[in-house]
Protein backbone atom coordinates (compact mmCIF):
# COMPACT_ATOMS: atom_id res chain seq x y z
CA MET A 1 37.86 26.82 -17.47
CA TRP A 2 36.37 26.89 -20.94
CA ARG A 3 39.67 26.06 -22.58
CA CYS A 4 38.65 28.84 -25.15
CA ALA A 5 40.14 29.62 -28.40
CA TRP A 6 38.45 32.75 -29.91
CA PHE A 7 37.27 32.37 -33.56
CA VAL A 8 37.56 35.21 -36.08
CA LEU A 9 34.18 36.00 -37.88
CA LEU A 10 33.79 33.33 -40.57
CA ALA A 11 33.23 34.93 -43.97
CA GLY A 12 29.94 34.88 -45.59
CA PHE A 13 29.14 32.91 -48.70
CA VAL A 14 29.05 35.93 -50.92
CA SER A 15 31.76 38.49 -51.48
CA LEU A 16 31.48 42.06 -50.48
CA SER A 17 31.25 43.06 -54.27
CA ASP A 18 28.18 41.20 -54.60
CA LEU A 19 26.42 43.03 -51.75
CA ARG A 20 25.20 45.74 -54.00
CA SER A 21 22.92 43.35 -55.76
CA GLU A 22 19.29 43.61 -54.57
CA GLU A 23 18.95 39.80 -54.43
CA SER A 24 22.31 39.27 -52.50
CA VAL A 25 22.75 38.88 -48.83
CA MET A 26 25.63 38.04 -46.47
CA VAL A 27 25.38 35.51 -43.44
CA LYS A 28 28.26 35.44 -40.91
CA THR A 29 28.79 32.90 -38.33
CA SER A 30 30.95 33.05 -35.20
CA THR A 31 31.58 30.91 -32.19
CA GLU A 32 33.49 31.33 -28.94
CA VAL A 33 35.26 28.02 -28.37
CA GLU A 34 36.79 25.34 -30.44
CA LYS A 35 36.90 22.90 -27.52
CA ALA A 36 34.21 21.91 -24.85
CA TRP A 37 33.21 19.22 -22.50
CA MET A 38 30.49 16.80 -23.26
CA GLY A 39 27.10 18.55 -22.23
CA GLN A 40 28.72 21.96 -22.10
CA ARG A 41 27.04 24.90 -23.81
CA VAL A 42 28.61 26.13 -27.13
CA ARG A 43 27.14 29.31 -28.10
CA PHE A 44 27.31 30.56 -31.70
CA VAL A 45 26.05 33.55 -33.33
CA VAL A 46 24.48 33.96 -36.96
CA THR A 47 24.31 37.60 -38.16
CA LEU A 48 22.20 38.53 -41.21
CA TYR A 49 22.89 41.54 -43.23
CA SER A 50 20.46 43.51 -45.16
CA PRO A 51 20.33 46.91 -47.21
CA GLY A 52 17.01 47.74 -45.44
CA PRO A 53 14.91 47.02 -42.51
CA PHE A 54 13.91 43.40 -41.62
CA THR A 55 10.41 42.30 -41.64
CA GLY A 56 8.93 39.12 -40.23
CA THR A 57 10.75 36.14 -38.59
CA PRO A 58 13.73 34.61 -40.18
CA VAL A 59 13.42 30.84 -40.86
CA PHE A 60 16.52 28.74 -40.02
CA GLN A 61 16.96 25.07 -41.29
CA LEU A 62 18.86 23.95 -38.22
CA PRO A 63 20.61 20.62 -39.21
CA GLU A 64 19.94 17.45 -37.24
CA ILE A 65 22.95 15.81 -35.54
CA PRO A 66 22.87 12.62 -33.47
CA ASP A 67 23.30 13.06 -29.86
CA THR A 68 23.41 16.85 -30.27
CA VAL A 69 20.88 19.62 -29.54
CA ILE A 70 20.86 23.05 -31.20
CA SER A 71 18.40 25.61 -30.02
CA LYS A 72 17.80 29.23 -30.71
CA VAL A 73 18.06 31.44 -27.66
CA GLY A 74 16.90 34.95 -26.75
CA SER A 75 15.63 37.55 -29.25
CA PRO A 76 17.44 39.05 -32.13
CA VAL A 77 19.48 42.19 -31.70
CA VAL A 78 19.08 44.76 -34.36
CA GLY A 79 22.15 46.90 -35.24
CA SER A 80 24.09 48.34 -38.23
CA SER A 81 27.28 47.72 -39.64
CA THR A 82 29.47 49.55 -42.46
CA LEU A 83 31.45 47.36 -44.89
CA ALA A 84 33.40 48.87 -47.73
CA GLY A 85 31.80 52.09 -47.31
CA VAL A 86 28.15 50.51 -47.39
CA THR A 87 25.86 50.61 -44.23
CA TRP A 88 23.96 47.38 -43.74
CA ILE A 89 21.29 46.67 -41.24
CA THR A 90 22.09 43.62 -39.13
CA GLN A 91 20.19 41.08 -37.01
CA ARG A 92 22.24 39.08 -34.51
CA HIS A 93 20.85 35.56 -33.51
CA GLU A 94 22.27 33.45 -30.79
CA PHE A 95 22.06 29.49 -30.65
CA ASP A 96 23.20 27.07 -28.18
CA LEU A 97 24.85 23.79 -29.01
CA TYR A 98 24.99 20.94 -26.58
CA THR A 99 26.37 17.47 -27.34
CA GLN A 100 26.98 14.08 -25.91
CA LYS A 101 29.37 12.88 -28.45
CA VAL A 102 32.99 12.58 -27.91
CA GLY A 103 35.51 13.83 -30.52
CA GLU A 104 35.30 16.47 -33.34
CA LEU A 105 31.68 17.59 -34.08
CA GLN A 106 31.24 19.09 -37.36
CA VAL A 107 28.06 21.58 -37.84
CA PRO A 108 27.22 21.72 -41.59
CA ALA A 109 26.19 24.82 -43.30
CA PHE A 110 22.48 25.38 -43.03
CA LYS A 111 20.15 27.82 -44.93
CA VAL A 112 18.42 31.03 -43.81
CA ALA A 113 15.39 32.59 -45.24
CA PHE A 114 14.23 36.06 -44.18
CA MET A 115 12.44 39.22 -45.47
CA SER A 116 13.51 42.64 -45.59
CA LYS A 117 13.34 45.79 -47.84
CA ASP A 118 15.96 47.56 -49.88
CA GLY A 119 15.68 50.69 -48.30
CA PHE A 120 13.44 52.53 -45.78
CA THR A 121 10.67 52.50 -48.21
CA GLY A 122 9.14 50.02 -50.65
CA ASP A 123 8.16 46.39 -50.47
CA ALA A 124 9.87 43.70 -48.42
CA LYS A 125 11.66 41.04 -50.26
CA PRO A 126 12.46 37.38 -49.75
CA ARG A 127 16.19 36.68 -49.21
CA GLU A 128 18.12 33.66 -48.57
CA GLY A 129 21.51 32.88 -47.26
CA GLU A 130 23.71 30.12 -45.92
CA THR A 131 25.79 29.84 -42.83
CA GLU A 132 29.52 28.61 -43.01
CA PRO A 133 30.12 25.23 -41.36
CA PHE A 134 32.30 25.04 -38.22
CA GLY A 135 33.64 22.36 -35.94
CA VAL A 136 33.94 21.69 -32.08
CA VAL A 137 35.95 19.14 -30.34
CA SER A 138 33.87 17.46 -27.54
CA GLU A 139 35.73 15.82 -24.47
CA ARG A 140 34.42 13.52 -21.92
CA PRO A 141 35.07 14.75 -18.42
CA PRO A 142 37.52 12.46 -16.31
CA GLY A 143 35.54 10.49 -13.75
CA THR A 144 32.27 10.43 -15.78
CA GLU A 145 32.87 7.15 -17.59
CA SER A 146 30.12 5.48 -15.50
CA LEU A 147 27.64 8.07 -16.28
CA PRO A 148 25.29 7.34 -19.04
CA PHE A 149 24.51 10.99 -19.56
CA VAL A 150 26.81 13.92 -18.58
CA VAL A 151 25.21 17.06 -17.50
CA THR A 152 27.76 19.98 -17.40
CA SER A 153 26.80 22.97 -15.31
CA SER A 154 28.75 25.30 -12.95
CA SER A 155 25.69 25.99 -10.92
CA LEU A 156 23.19 23.07 -10.65
CA LYS A 157 21.05 22.57 -7.43
CA VAL A 158 18.96 19.53 -6.56
CA GLU A 159 16.03 19.62 -4.05
CA GLU A 160 13.46 17.24 -3.13
CA GLU A 161 10.24 17.23 -0.90
CA TRP A 162 8.17 14.41 0.62
CA SER A 163 4.56 14.58 1.32
CA ALA A 164 5.03 12.58 4.53
CA GLU A 165 7.63 12.64 7.30
CA GLU A 166 10.23 10.25 7.99
CA GLY A 167 8.89 7.11 9.87
CA ALA A 168 5.32 8.24 9.40
CA GLU A 169 2.59 5.33 10.02
CA LEU A 170 0.23 5.48 7.12
CA GLU A 171 -2.82 3.41 6.16
CA ALA A 172 -2.67 0.66 3.38
CA GLY A 173 -3.87 2.30 0.17
CA GLU A 174 -2.53 5.86 1.04
CA VAL A 175 -0.19 7.64 -1.40
CA VAL A 176 2.99 9.44 -0.55
CA THR A 177 4.27 12.02 -3.02
CA ARG A 178 8.04 12.54 -3.67
CA SER A 179 8.94 15.80 -5.75
CA ILE A 180 12.52 16.25 -7.11
CA THR A 181 13.54 19.57 -8.55
CA ARG A 182 16.79 20.26 -10.43
CA SER A 183 17.65 23.76 -11.64
CA ALA A 184 20.86 25.10 -13.41
CA THR A 185 22.35 27.54 -15.81
CA ASP A 186 24.25 27.12 -18.98
CA THR A 187 22.73 23.84 -19.85
CA SER A 188 19.51 22.64 -21.62
CA ALA A 189 16.45 21.05 -19.85
CA MET A 190 16.49 18.27 -22.37
CA PHE A 191 19.75 16.94 -20.79
CA LEU A 192 18.06 16.84 -17.36
CA ASP A 193 17.17 13.20 -17.72
CA PRO A 194 14.27 11.60 -15.73
CA PHE A 195 14.93 9.89 -12.44
CA VAL A 196 14.33 6.17 -12.47
CA ALA A 197 12.19 5.33 -9.54
CA THR A 198 13.47 2.18 -7.61
CA PRO A 199 10.74 -0.41 -7.03
CA VAL A 200 9.64 -1.26 -3.69
CA GLU A 201 7.86 -4.57 -2.98
CA GLY A 202 4.26 -3.89 -1.94
CA ALA A 203 4.41 -0.19 -3.23
CA ARG A 204 2.92 0.89 -6.69
CA VAL A 205 4.79 3.52 -8.38
CA TYR A 206 3.11 6.21 -10.55
CA LEU A 207 5.05 8.84 -12.58
CA SER A 208 3.61 12.20 -13.50
CA ASP A 209 4.65 14.19 -16.72
CA PRO A 210 7.64 16.51 -15.68
CA VAL A 211 7.36 20.16 -15.29
CA ILE A 212 10.07 21.68 -17.27
CA ASP A 213 11.05 25.56 -17.56
CA GLU A 214 13.68 26.93 -19.68
CA VAL A 215 14.29 30.94 -19.80
CA SER A 216 17.14 32.67 -21.71
CA GLN A 217 17.60 36.28 -20.63
CA ARG A 218 20.85 38.58 -21.60
CA GLY A 219 22.99 35.60 -22.54
CA VAL A 220 22.01 33.44 -19.44
CA THR A 221 20.10 30.31 -19.69
CA GLU A 222 18.18 29.14 -16.62
CA VAL A 223 16.52 25.80 -16.76
CA SER A 224 14.62 23.61 -14.14
CA ARG A 225 12.91 20.17 -14.19
CA THR A 226 10.53 18.74 -11.52
CA ASP A 227 9.73 14.93 -11.54
CA VAL A 228 6.79 13.90 -9.24
CA ILE A 229 6.69 10.35 -8.07
CA ARG A 230 3.91 9.02 -6.26
CA TYR A 231 4.11 5.79 -4.19
CA GLN A 232 0.84 3.93 -3.06
CA PHE A 233 0.91 1.32 -0.32
CA ALA A 234 -0.92 -1.65 -1.58
CA LYS A 235 -0.55 -3.80 1.77
CA GLY A 236 0.56 -3.35 5.12
CA GLY A 237 4.16 -3.44 6.24
CA GLN A 238 7.55 -1.53 6.48
CA PHE A 239 8.50 0.30 3.34
CA ASN A 240 12.25 1.45 2.74
CA PHE A 241 12.94 3.71 -0.04
CA PRO A 242 16.57 3.87 -1.01
CA SER A 243 18.47 7.11 -1.44
CA ILE A 244 19.44 8.48 -4.86
CA ASP A 245 22.61 9.75 -6.00
CA TYR A 246 22.68 12.23 -8.90
CA SER A 247 26.05 13.38 -10.40
CA TRP A 248 27.03 16.02 -12.94
CA TRP A 249 30.31 17.81 -14.14
CA ASP A 250 31.29 21.23 -12.70
CA PRO A 251 33.54 22.93 -15.42
CA GLU A 252 34.47 25.56 -13.10
CA SER A 253 35.95 23.24 -10.43
CA GLU A 254 36.62 20.56 -13.04
CA GLU A 255 35.22 17.86 -10.79
CA VAL A 256 32.34 15.44 -10.68
CA ARG A 257 29.85 16.55 -8.00
CA THR A 258 27.23 14.42 -6.49
CA GLU A 259 24.06 15.23 -4.68
CA VAL A 260 22.68 12.42 -2.38
CA LEU A 261 18.84 12.53 -2.06
CA ALA A 262 18.13 10.78 1.18
CA GLY A 263 15.65 7.67 1.24
CA ARG A 264 12.94 7.40 3.69
CA SER A 265 11.12 4.69 5.58
CA PHE A 266 7.41 4.32 6.32
CA SER A 267 5.21 1.81 7.84
CA ALA A 268 1.78 1.02 6.67
CA LYS A 269 -1.12 -0.61 8.56
CA ALA A 270 -2.74 -3.68 6.90
CA PRO A 271 -6.26 -2.97 5.61
CA PRO A 272 -9.04 -4.60 7.55
CA VAL A 273 -10.27 -8.00 6.25
CA PRO A 274 -13.65 -7.42 4.40
CA PRO A 275 -16.52 -9.62 5.64
CA GLU A 276 -17.19 -12.39 3.45
CA PRO A 277 -20.42 -11.73 1.48
CA THR A 278 -23.41 -13.45 2.82
CA ASP A 279 -24.43 -16.45 0.76
CA TRP A 280 -28.18 -15.83 0.61
CA LYS A 281 -28.96 -18.84 -1.46
CA ARG A 282 -27.14 -21.01 1.06
CA VAL A 283 -29.06 -19.46 3.87
CA ALA A 284 -32.42 -20.14 2.18
CA TRP A 285 -31.91 -23.55 1.83
CA ILE A 286 -30.76 -23.96 5.42
CA ALA A 287 -33.87 -22.07 6.58
CA PHE A 288 -36.00 -24.28 4.32
CA ALA A 289 -34.27 -27.37 5.74
CA GLY A 290 -34.84 -26.31 9.32
CA LEU A 291 -38.53 -25.44 8.75
CA THR A 292 -38.97 -28.79 6.94
CA ALA A 293 -37.48 -30.62 9.95
CA LEU A 294 -39.63 -28.61 12.53
CA ALA A 295 -42.64 -29.45 10.65
CA ALA A 296 -41.95 -33.33 10.52
CA ILE A 297 -41.08 -32.96 14.24
CA VAL A 298 -44.47 -31.39 14.87
CA ARG A 299 -46.47 -33.67 12.73
CA TRP A 300 -44.88 -37.00 13.56
CA GLY A 301 -42.45 -36.45 16.48
CA TRP A 302 -44.63 -34.32 18.79
CA PRO A 303 -47.28 -37.07 19.68
CA LEU A 304 -44.23 -39.63 20.32
CA GLY A 305 -42.53 -37.07 22.55
CA VAL A 306 -45.56 -36.32 24.53
CA ALA A 307 -46.21 -39.98 25.07
CA GLN A 308 -42.61 -40.52 26.08
CA PHE A 309 -42.85 -37.59 28.39
CA HIS A 310 -45.99 -38.89 30.18
CA GLN A 311 -44.42 -42.31 30.53
CA TRP A 312 -41.17 -41.07 31.92
CA ARG A 313 -43.35 -38.78 34.38
CA ALA A 314 -45.23 -41.72 35.42
CA TRP A 315 -42.08 -43.71 36.26
CA TYR A 316 -40.47 -40.63 37.97
CA ASP A 317 -43.49 -40.01 40.20
CA ALA A 318 -43.97 -43.56 41.12
CA PRO A 319 -44.52 -43.87 44.95
CA ILE A 320 -41.60 -45.97 45.52
CA ARG A 321 -39.35 -43.34 43.88
CA ARG A 322 -41.07 -40.45 45.62
CA ALA A 323 -40.30 -42.38 48.92
CA VAL A 324 -36.51 -42.75 48.21
CA ARG A 325 -36.22 -39.04 47.16
CA GLN A 326 -37.98 -38.17 50.44
CA LEU A 327 -35.81 -40.45 52.52
CA LYS A 328 -32.64 -39.16 51.05
CA ARG A 329 -33.69 -35.46 51.80
CA SER A 330 -34.78 -36.37 55.31
CA CYS A 331 -31.52 -38.24 56.15
CA GLY A 332 -29.44 -35.53 54.63
CA LYS A 333 -31.09 -32.74 56.85
CA GLY A 334 -31.39 -35.05 59.92
CA ASP A 335 -35.16 -34.98 60.36
CA ALA A 336 -36.00 -38.29 62.04
CA ARG A 337 -39.78 -38.01 61.78
CA GLU A 338 -39.83 -37.26 58.09
CA ALA A 339 -37.33 -40.03 57.42
CA TYR A 340 -39.45 -42.64 59.42
CA ALA A 341 -42.42 -41.52 57.47
CA ALA A 342 -40.58 -41.81 54.08
CA LEU A 343 -39.13 -45.35 55.01
CA MET A 344 -42.55 -46.63 55.99
CA ALA A 345 -43.78 -45.35 52.58
CA TRP A 346 -41.03 -47.08 50.76
CA LYS A 347 -41.58 -50.27 52.55
CA HIS A 348 -45.15 -50.24 51.66
CA ALA A 349 -44.49 -49.49 47.96
CA ALA A 350 -41.84 -51.89 47.67
CA GLY A 351 -44.06 -54.66 49.27
CA VAL A 352 -41.67 -55.49 52.24
CA VAL A 353 -43.48 -57.66 54.81
CA GLY A 354 -42.34 -57.86 58.51
CA ASP A 355 -39.10 -56.69 59.40
CA PHE A 356 -36.39 -55.15 57.12
CA ASP A 357 -33.61 -56.82 55.68
CA SER A 358 -30.27 -56.81 57.24
CA PRO A 359 -28.40 -54.34 57.22
CA LEU A 360 -31.39 -52.05 57.40
CA ARG A 361 -32.96 -53.76 60.26
CA GLU A 362 -30.96 -52.32 63.10
CA PRO A 363 -30.73 -48.62 61.78
CA ALA A 364 -34.57 -48.82 61.24
CA ALA A 365 -35.10 -50.15 64.82
CA THR A 366 -32.88 -47.51 66.37
CA LEU A 367 -34.99 -44.84 64.33
CA SER A 368 -38.19 -46.34 65.77
CA ARG A 369 -36.87 -46.68 69.29
CA ARG A 370 -35.89 -42.96 69.16
CA LEU A 371 -39.15 -41.84 68.07
CA PHE A 372 -41.69 -44.16 69.81
CA GLY A 373 -39.69 -45.84 72.69
CA SER A 374 -39.63 -44.62 76.31
CA GLY A 375 -37.43 -41.71 76.65
CA GLY A 376 -37.15 -41.06 72.84
CA ASP A 377 -37.11 -37.43 71.51
CA GLY A 378 -37.25 -35.74 68.36
CA GLY A 379 -34.04 -34.04 68.64
CA ALA A 380 -30.89 -33.83 66.33
CA TRP A 381 -30.42 -37.00 64.60
CA ASP A 382 -27.71 -38.25 62.02
CA GLY A 383 -29.38 -40.08 59.20
CA GLY A 384 -26.10 -40.83 57.35
CA GLU A 385 -26.02 -44.62 58.89
CA LEU A 386 -29.79 -45.21 57.93
CA TRP A 387 -29.27 -43.90 54.46
CA ARG A 388 -26.19 -46.05 53.86
CA ALA A 389 -27.96 -49.15 55.03
CA PHE A 390 -30.91 -48.20 52.87
CA ARG A 391 -29.09 -47.88 49.73
CA SER A 392 -27.57 -51.48 50.21
CA VAL A 393 -30.97 -53.00 50.62
CA GLU A 394 -32.79 -50.84 48.18
CA ALA A 395 -30.30 -51.90 45.42
CA GLY A 396 -31.16 -55.26 45.97
CA HIS A 397 -34.84 -54.51 45.41
CA ARG A 398 -34.09 -52.58 42.09
CA ARG A 399 -32.19 -55.83 40.93
CA GLY A 400 -35.40 -57.59 41.49
CA SER A 401 -33.67 -60.09 44.08
CA PRO A 402 -34.74 -58.88 47.28
CA SER A 403 -34.34 -61.12 50.56
CA GLU A 404 -37.15 -63.26 51.64
CA ALA A 405 -39.54 -61.45 53.68
CA LYS A 406 -39.60 -62.46 57.23
CA THR A 407 -42.59 -62.45 59.29
CA SER A 408 -43.05 -62.50 63.24
CA LEU A 409 -46.33 -64.44 62.66
CA PRO A 410 -46.45 -68.30 63.00
CA PRO A 411 -47.78 -70.05 59.76
CA LEU A 412 -51.47 -70.64 59.74
CA ASN A 413 -52.57 -74.15 60.18
CA PRO A 414 -49.10 -75.62 60.55
CA GLY A 415 -50.55 -79.19 60.37
CA LEU A 416 -51.72 -78.45 56.62
CA SER A 417 -48.54 -77.16 55.63
CA ARG A 418 -46.97 -80.55 56.29
């Protein structure tokens, strides 16, 4: 699994004979593996030796290596060791190395500074040492060539949570939150790269700062990272968020594992169209124009209108027109007496002398005999024939060309007329 090759403790930079010097110190470096996968944890140990108790916190000048992270983990372990008959107090410090490089990686020597005493009494003195360089061969796991970043862990878990259910109908402007949490062991939180939110048309994307946690206890490093993505629907419509594939390398099973985060679909109602703001200046101008027109009508149009109304009323109430209206009503309801009275009123108003013109003559005579002849009665009567005959005669009078009035009386002084 680890393809391990145990290293012996690397010798310090000073010899054992020099340890008796008050200013001398020995630093030993050890590591567990000589080969590792990209992104796999490589733990190495730096052990400090002192003739007396340590005080304060050591300072390690860790080297900067491209595409590589070195971090100190846990708390130091204090112990003792006897070398060449001399007892030394030791401090054991653990470090984790992760790299994304492929090939041989050289970790150069780096300096260590700390404070310690010569014995159990007296003042602490500053001391300095230097680690031995060492190398690790990093290999790319098979099947990860398409991955820009290789996360190596034997126990990685991916979880996600949405603030809205699948297919939920939302309002335009509403926000849906998507939380993605990855937790793993034996890796660094720095290698849990951020998720790239796929843009969806019509939805604004807001990314929050990730929540990162990393704890090392008893040689085990547990890390987690939570990314929060917020989507706001700027308009109405259907929104489909695609699924996300997250892959990593499992060194135990030596295979690429992939977790699929299912996408979701939502629909949003379009926002109501806001009413257009009232253009009060335009309203004021319209009101002013209306009031001005009304004032002009009152000032100049009212007298003219009143005169026109009286003129029309006089025309409408003329006796001849009243008689026509009355005759029409009487003929329509079959009232012979009212029809006769209206016909005589029209005849007088129209200036008809003598008998009626044809074709009104016969219907008028029939009406007269019905009312005033022997055996006449005032019963039901159909005025349709009289009204039709009247309309033809009355039309001629309105055109100003009535027939010559006929009289039953002989001319006066017929001799003079010759």
